[in-house]
């Protein structure tokens, strides 16, 4: 039987993950359940696996630890790396993590359907635009990524510069493009899905 992770710490940290820099203002307006905080403090520590940038994860962990006095241990890897860590622990039937964050929604939905995750609705989620709120309480948006086309000015003439994603289908780009691997990075999977969905 899989060991369930501590839920009280997950509940408190989720609100901070959602809001990043806004968390102090939002938390002050909505408040935290003192009983929940006390129970989390008694559990002693919080383990996070995340795919966000190291400096962001470090800052959030520091803020959380300062606010609640709960020691935070965090590990930063790509979405693929985090997924492999979670799956390895599932096979061992001992889940070490309290909070997990990945950039691939399909991974979260699979874990949700397989009963790996706990649903949670933080009180200050109302500060988020409605389109970014999860009706089932499993997906929490932390930030939005922008994907762009970058090119080498010494290799690509002004006339050749792609104006949109479809331009990348031109034969001139065969063997001249590079991107992150779809198996290890969400951006790669998004790029492939975009090409298949829009251009077949």
C-alpha atoms as a PDB file:
ATOM      1  CA  UNK A   1       0.000   0.000   0.000  1.00  0.00           C
ATOM      2  CA  UNK A   2       1.367   3.440  -0.903  1.00  0.00           C
ATOM      3  CA  UNK A   3       2.296   5.635   2.012  1.00  0.00           C
ATOM      4  CA  UNK A   4       0.199   8.801   1.957  1.00  0.00           C
ATOM      5  CA  UNK A   5       2.028  12.080   2.301  1.00  0.00           C
ATOM      6  CA  UNK A   6       1.267  14.610   5.012  1.00  0.00           C
ATOM      7  CA  UNK A   7      -1.687  16.667   3.812  1.00  0.00           C
ATOM      8  CA  UNK A   8      -1.692  19.575   6.288  1.00  0.00           C
ATOM      9  CA  UNK A   9       1.597  20.959   4.980  1.00  0.00           C
ATOM     10  CA  UNK A  10       0.448  20.566   1.405  1.00  0.00           C
ATOM     11  CA  UNK A  11      -2.648  22.631   2.177  1.00  0.00           C
ATOM     12  CA  UNK A  12      -0.694  25.577   3.562  1.00  0.00           C
ATOM     13  CA  UNK A  13       2.033  25.570   0.926  1.00  0.00           C
ATOM     14  CA  UNK A  14      -0.428  25.361  -1.961  1.00  0.00           C
ATOM     15  CA  UNK A  15      -1.600  28.920  -1.324  1.00  0.00           C
ATOM     16  CA  UNK A  16       1.967  30.218  -1.501  1.00  0.00           C
ATOM     17  CA  UNK A  17       2.690  28.302  -4.715  1.00  0.00           C
ATOM     18  CA  UNK A  18      -0.348  29.802  -6.385  1.00  0.00           C
ATOM     19  CA  UNK A  19       0.457  33.409  -5.702  1.00  0.00           C
ATOM     20  CA  UNK A  20       4.223  33.626  -5.627  1.00  0.00           C
ATOM     21  CA  UNK A  21       5.071  37.232  -4.821  1.00  0.00           C
ATOM     22  CA  UNK A  22       1.473  38.143  -3.973  1.00  0.00           C
ATOM     23  CA  UNK A  23       1.156  35.537  -1.242  1.00  0.00           C
ATOM     24  CA  UNK A  24       1.665  37.872   1.733  1.00  0.00           C
ATOM     25  CA  UNK A  25      -1.120  40.247   0.705  1.00  0.00           C
ATOM     26  CA  UNK A  26      -3.516  37.478  -0.287  1.00  0.00           C
ATOM     27  CA  UNK A  27      -2.766  35.476   2.867  1.00  0.00           C
ATOM     28  CA  UNK A  28      -3.290  38.497   5.075  1.00  0.00           C
ATOM     29  CA  UNK A  29      -6.729  39.064   3.608  1.00  0.00           C
ATOM     30  CA  UNK A  30      -7.896  35.461   3.726  1.00  0.00           C
ATOM     31  CA  UNK A  31      -6.027  34.248   6.838  1.00  0.00           C
ATOM     32  CA  UNK A  32      -4.786  30.764   7.701  1.00  0.00           C
ATOM     33  CA  UNK A  33      -6.407  28.152   9.884  1.00  0.00           C
ATOM     34  CA  UNK A  34      -4.378  28.171  13.169  1.00  0.00           C
ATOM     35  CA  UNK A  35      -5.224  24.512  13.822  1.00  0.00           C
ATOM     36  CA  UNK A  36      -3.955  23.542  10.384  1.00  0.00           C
ATOM     37  CA  UNK A  37      -0.728  25.486  10.904  1.00  0.00           C
ATOM     38  CA  UNK A  38      -0.168  23.890  14.325  1.00  0.00           C
ATOM     39  CA  UNK A  39      -0.727  20.391  12.926  1.00  0.00           C
ATOM     40  CA  UNK A  40       1.709  21.044  10.070  1.00  0.00           C
ATOM     41  CA  UNK A  41       4.343  22.352  12.473  1.00  0.00           C
ATOM     42  CA  UNK A  42       4.029  19.182  14.537  1.00  0.00           C
ATOM     43  CA  UNK A  43       4.796  17.098  11.451  1.00  0.00           C
ATOM     44  CA  UNK A  44       8.202  18.770  11.228  1.00  0.00           C
ATOM     45  CA  UNK A  45       9.117  19.133   7.555  1.00  0.00           C
ATOM     46  CA  UNK A  46       7.949  19.747   4.016  1.00  0.00           C
ATOM     47  CA  UNK A  47       9.310  18.030   0.885  1.00  0.00           C
ATOM     48  CA  UNK A  48       8.813  19.659  -2.520  1.00  0.00           C
ATOM     49  CA  UNK A  49       9.589  18.365  -6.012  1.00  0.00           C
ATOM     50  CA  UNK A  50       9.255  21.150  -8.550  1.00  0.00           C
ATOM     51  CA  UNK A  51       9.981  22.088 -12.152  1.00  0.00           C
ATOM     52  CA  UNK A  52       9.916  25.852 -11.640  1.00  0.00           C
ATOM     53  CA  UNK A  53      13.151  27.868 -11.651  1.00  0.00           C
ATOM     54  CA  UNK A  54      15.560  27.259  -8.778  1.00  0.00           C
ATOM     55  CA  UNK A  55      15.528  30.858  -7.561  1.00  0.00           C
ATOM     56  CA  UNK A  56      11.716  30.899  -7.489  1.00  0.00           C
ATOM     57  CA  UNK A  57      11.474  27.601  -5.653  1.00  0.00           C
ATOM     58  CA  UNK A  58      14.161  28.668  -3.190  1.00  0.00           C
ATOM     59  CA  UNK A  59      12.432  31.971  -2.459  1.00  0.00           C
ATOM     60  CA  UNK A  60       9.053  30.330  -1.934  1.00  0.00           C
ATOM     61  CA  UNK A  61      10.577  27.751   0.403  1.00  0.00           C
ATOM     62  CA  UNK A  62      12.332  30.491   2.388  1.00  0.00           C
ATOM     63  CA  UNK A  63       9.131  32.519   2.713  1.00  0.00           C
ATOM     64  CA  UNK A  64       7.168  29.472   3.821  1.00  0.00           C
ATOM     65  CA  UNK A  65       9.770  28.449   6.398  1.00  0.00           C
ATOM     66  CA  UNK A  66      10.002  31.989   7.777  1.00  0.00           C
ATOM     67  CA  UNK A  67       6.223  32.348   7.965  1.00  0.00           C
ATOM     68  CA  UNK A  68       5.377  28.992   9.555  1.00  0.00           C
ATOM     69  CA  UNK A  69       8.611  27.679  11.087  1.00  0.00           C
ATOM     70  CA  UNK A  70       8.442  24.454   9.059  1.00  0.00           C
ATOM     71  CA  UNK A  71      11.701  23.215   7.515  1.00  0.00           C
ATOM     72  CA  UNK A  72      11.476  22.883   3.732  1.00  0.00           C
ATOM     73  CA  UNK A  73      13.501  20.433   1.635  1.00  0.00           C
ATOM     74  CA  UNK A  74      13.146  21.022  -2.094  1.00  0.00           C
ATOM     75  CA  UNK A  75      14.404  19.363  -5.261  1.00  0.00           C
ATOM     76  CA  UNK A  76      14.347  21.087  -8.635  1.00  0.00           C
ATOM     77  CA  UNK A  77      14.311  19.053 -11.854  1.00  0.00           C
ATOM     78  CA  UNK A  78      12.669  19.296 -15.260  1.00  0.00           C
ATOM     79  CA  UNK A  79       9.107  18.074 -15.606  1.00  0.00           C
ATOM     80  CA  UNK A  80      10.467  14.759 -16.895  1.00  0.00           C
ATOM     81  CA  UNK A  81      12.841  14.488 -13.944  1.00  0.00           C
ATOM     82  CA  UNK A  82      10.138  15.235 -11.386  1.00  0.00           C
ATOM     83  CA  UNK A  83       7.805  12.743 -13.053  1.00  0.00           C
ATOM     84  CA  UNK A  84      10.444  10.014 -12.899  1.00  0.00           C
ATOM     85  CA  UNK A  85      11.106  10.709  -9.208  1.00  0.00           C
ATOM     86  CA  UNK A  86       7.419  10.447  -8.338  1.00  0.00           C
ATOM     87  CA  UNK A  87       6.951   7.285 -10.394  1.00  0.00           C
ATOM     88  CA  UNK A  88      10.004   5.650  -8.781  1.00  0.00           C
ATOM     89  CA  UNK A  89       8.576   6.366  -5.333  1.00  0.00           C
ATOM     90  CA  UNK A  90       5.219   5.000  -6.405  1.00  0.00           C
ATOM     91  CA  UNK A  91       6.882   1.744  -7.430  1.00  0.00           C
ATOM     92  CA  UNK A  92       8.638   1.615  -4.051  1.00  0.00           C
ATOM     93  CA  UNK A  93       5.277   2.397  -2.407  1.00  0.00           C
ATOM     94  CA  UNK A  94       6.779   5.178  -0.293  1.00  0.00           C
ATOM     95  CA  UNK A  95       6.005   8.727  -1.388  1.00  0.00           C
ATOM     96  CA  UNK A  96       8.403  11.240   0.190  1.00  0.00           C
ATOM     97  CA  UNK A  97       6.979  14.408  -1.320  1.00  0.00           C
ATOM     98  CA  UNK A  98       4.300  16.706   0.086  1.00  0.00           C
ATOM     99  CA  UNK A  99       4.019  19.114  -2.857  1.00  0.00           C
ATOM    100  CA  UNK A 100       4.750  18.396  -6.506  1.00  0.00           C
ATOM    101  CA  UNK A 101       4.841  20.850  -9.376  1.00  0.00           C
ATOM    102  CA  UNK A 102       5.276  20.011 -13.061  1.00  0.00           C
ATOM    103  CA  UNK A 103       4.712  21.886 -16.292  1.00  0.00           C
ATOM    104  CA  UNK A 104       2.741  19.174 -18.068  1.00  0.00           C
ATOM    105  CA  UNK A 105      -0.956  19.199 -17.286  1.00  0.00           C
ATOM    106  CA  UNK A 106      -1.383  15.681 -18.700  1.00  0.00           C
ATOM    107  CA  UNK A 107       0.907  14.319 -15.960  1.00  0.00           C
ATOM    108  CA  UNK A 108      -1.165  15.979 -13.237  1.00  0.00           C
ATOM    109  CA  UNK A 109      -4.396  14.703 -14.757  1.00  0.00           C
ATOM    110  CA  UNK A 110      -3.030  11.145 -14.876  1.00  0.00           C
ATOM    111  CA  UNK A 111      -1.935  11.297 -11.241  1.00  0.00           C
ATOM    112  CA  UNK A 112      -5.296  12.801 -10.372  1.00  0.00           C
ATOM    113  CA  UNK A 113      -7.166   9.924 -12.042  1.00  0.00           C
ATOM    114  CA  UNK A 114      -4.872   7.359 -10.398  1.00  0.00           C
ATOM    115  CA  UNK A 115      -5.513   8.757  -6.910  1.00  0.00           C
ATOM    116  CA  UNK A 116      -1.973  10.012  -6.278  1.00  0.00           C
ATOM    117  CA  UNK A 117      -2.992  13.608  -5.524  1.00  0.00           C
ATOM    118  CA  UNK A 118      -5.253  15.211  -2.940  1.00  0.00           C
ATOM    119  CA  UNK A 119      -7.789  17.840  -3.996  1.00  0.00           C
ATOM    120  CA  UNK A 120      -7.530  21.222  -2.282  1.00  0.00           C
ATOM    121  CA  UNK A 121      -9.254  24.594  -2.632  1.00  0.00           C
ATOM    122  CA  UNK A 122      -7.224  27.356  -0.901  1.00  0.00           C
ATOM    123  CA  UNK A 123      -9.310  30.227   0.441  1.00  0.00           C
ATOM    124  CA  UNK A 124      -7.261  32.852  -1.416  1.00  0.00           C
ATOM    125  CA  UNK A 125      -7.744  31.172  -4.790  1.00  0.00           C
ATOM    126  CA  UNK A 126     -10.461  33.763  -5.352  1.00  0.00           C
ATOM    127  CA  UNK A 127      -7.723  36.280  -6.138  1.00  0.00           C
ATOM    128  CA  UNK A 128      -6.960  34.383  -9.355  1.00  0.00           C
ATOM    129  CA  UNK A 129      -8.887  35.068 -12.568  1.00  0.00           C
ATOM    130  CA  UNK A 130     -11.637  32.477 -12.956  1.00  0.00           C
ATOM    131  CA  UNK A 131     -10.087  30.940 -16.071  1.00  0.00           C
ATOM    132  CA  UNK A 132      -7.024  29.950 -14.008  1.00  0.00           C
ATOM    133  CA  UNK A 133      -8.970  28.292 -11.207  1.00  0.00           C
ATOM    134  CA  UNK A 134      -9.373  24.522 -10.993  1.00  0.00           C
ATOM    135  CA  UNK A 135     -12.931  23.270 -10.559  1.00  0.00           C
ATOM    136  CA  UNK A 136     -11.690  19.977  -9.085  1.00  0.00           C
ATOM    137  CA  UNK A 137      -8.898  21.425  -6.961  1.00  0.00           C
ATOM    138  CA  UNK A 138      -5.945  19.570  -8.485  1.00  0.00           C
ATOM    139  CA  UNK A 139      -4.357  22.080 -10.869  1.00  0.00           C
ATOM    140  CA  UNK A 140      -2.856  25.287  -9.456  1.00  0.00           C
ATOM    141  CA  UNK A 141      -1.343  27.790 -11.888  1.00  0.00           C
ATOM    142  CA  UNK A 142       1.889  29.338 -10.651  1.00  0.00           C
ATOM    143  CA  UNK A 143       2.982  31.234 -13.754  1.00  0.00           C
ATOM    144  CA  UNK A 144       2.464  31.364 -17.515  1.00  0.00           C
ATOM    145  CA  UNK A 145       5.267  30.512 -19.938  1.00  0.00           C
ATOM    146  CA  UNK A 146       5.777  32.221 -23.291  1.00  0.00           C
ATOM    147  CA  UNK A 147       7.319  30.207 -26.125  1.00  0.00           C
ATOM    148  CA  UNK A 148       9.086  32.080 -28.918  1.00  0.00           C
ATOM    149  CA  UNK A 149      11.145  31.339 -32.035  1.00  0.00           C
ATOM    150  CA  UNK A 150      14.796  32.337 -31.623  1.00  0.00           C
ATOM    151  CA  UNK A 151      17.286  32.370 -34.493  1.00  0.00           C
ATOM    152  CA  UNK A 152      20.985  32.960 -35.154  1.00  0.00           C
ATOM    153  CA  UNK A 153      21.431  36.238 -37.017  1.00  0.00           C
ATOM    154  CA  UNK A 154      24.683  35.004 -38.532  1.00  0.00           C
ATOM    155  CA  UNK A 155      22.955  31.937 -40.023  1.00  0.00           C
ATOM    156  CA  UNK A 156      19.529  33.288 -40.970  1.00  0.00           C
ATOM    157  CA  UNK A 157      19.007  36.177 -43.356  1.00  0.00           C
ATOM    158  CA  UNK A 158      16.317  38.814 -42.677  1.00  0.00           C
ATOM    159  CA  UNK A 159      14.266  37.401 -45.566  1.00  0.00           C
ATOM    160  CA  UNK A 160      14.324  33.899 -44.063  1.00  0.00           C
ATOM    161  CA  UNK A 161      13.276  34.828 -40.521  1.00  0.00           C
ATOM    162  CA  UNK A 162      10.139  32.810 -39.643  1.00  0.00           C
ATOM    163  CA  UNK A 163       7.133  35.007 -38.924  1.00  0.00           C
ATOM    164  CA  UNK A 164       5.040  32.296 -37.276  1.00  0.00           C
ATOM    165  CA  UNK A 165       5.118  28.604 -36.266  1.00  0.00           C
ATOM    166  CA  UNK A 166       3.860  27.447 -39.643  1.00  0.00           C
ATOM    167  CA  UNK A 167       6.888  29.019 -41.332  1.00  0.00           C
ATOM    168  CA  UNK A 168       9.034  26.390 -39.600  1.00  0.00           C
ATOM    169  CA  UNK A 169       7.506  23.746 -41.899  1.00  0.00           C
ATOM    170  CA  UNK A 170       9.428  25.171 -44.851  1.00  0.00           C
ATOM    171  CA  UNK A 171      11.978  22.678 -46.263  1.00  0.00           C
ATOM    172  CA  UNK A 172      14.797  25.183 -45.646  1.00  0.00           C
ATOM    173  CA  UNK A 173      14.687  24.413 -41.924  1.00  0.00           C
ATOM    174  CA  UNK A 174      15.238  20.666 -42.287  1.00  0.00           C
ATOM    175  CA  UNK A 175      18.286  19.771 -40.208  1.00  0.00           C
ATOM    176  CA  UNK A 176      18.699  23.388 -39.060  1.00  0.00           C
ATOM    177  CA  UNK A 177      16.428  23.502 -36.001  1.00  0.00           C
ATOM    178  CA  UNK A 178      16.966  22.404 -32.421  1.00  0.00           C
ATOM    179  CA  UNK A 179      14.613  22.146 -29.466  1.00  0.00           C
ATOM    180  CA  UNK A 180      14.385  20.502 -26.056  1.00  0.00           C
ATOM    181  CA  UNK A 181      13.573  16.790 -26.042  1.00  0.00           C
ATOM    182  CA  UNK A 182       9.828  16.051 -25.708  1.00  0.00           C
ATOM    183  CA  UNK A 183      10.523  13.191 -23.296  1.00  0.00           C
ATOM    184  CA  UNK A 184      12.187  15.438 -20.751  1.00  0.00           C
ATOM    185  CA  UNK A 185      10.730  18.919 -21.235  1.00  0.00           C
ATOM    186  CA  UNK A 186       7.194  20.227 -21.488  1.00  0.00           C
ATOM    187  CA  UNK A 187       8.138  22.799 -24.136  1.00  0.00           C
ATOM    188  CA  UNK A 188       9.103  19.977 -26.481  1.00  0.00           C
ATOM    189  CA  UNK A 189       5.772  18.215 -26.015  1.00  0.00           C
ATOM    190  CA  UNK A 190       3.881  21.452 -26.550  1.00  0.00           C
ATOM    191  CA  UNK A 191       5.787  22.099 -29.781  1.00  0.00           C
ATOM    192  CA  UNK A 192       4.954  18.639 -31.134  1.00  0.00           C
ATOM    193  CA  UNK A 193       1.305  18.876 -30.072  1.00  0.00           C
ATOM    194  CA  UNK A 194       1.011  22.307 -31.689  1.00  0.00           C
ATOM    195  CA  UNK A 195       2.363  20.991 -34.958  1.00  0.00           C
ATOM    196  CA  UNK A 196       0.077  17.968 -34.965  1.00  0.00           C
ATOM    197  CA  UNK A 197      -3.083  19.787 -33.900  1.00  0.00           C
ATOM    198  CA  UNK A 198      -2.734  22.809 -36.177  1.00  0.00           C
ATOM    199  CA  UNK A 199      -0.823  21.506 -39.154  1.00  0.00           C
ATOM    200  CA  UNK A 200      -1.247  17.721 -39.099  1.00  0.00           C
END
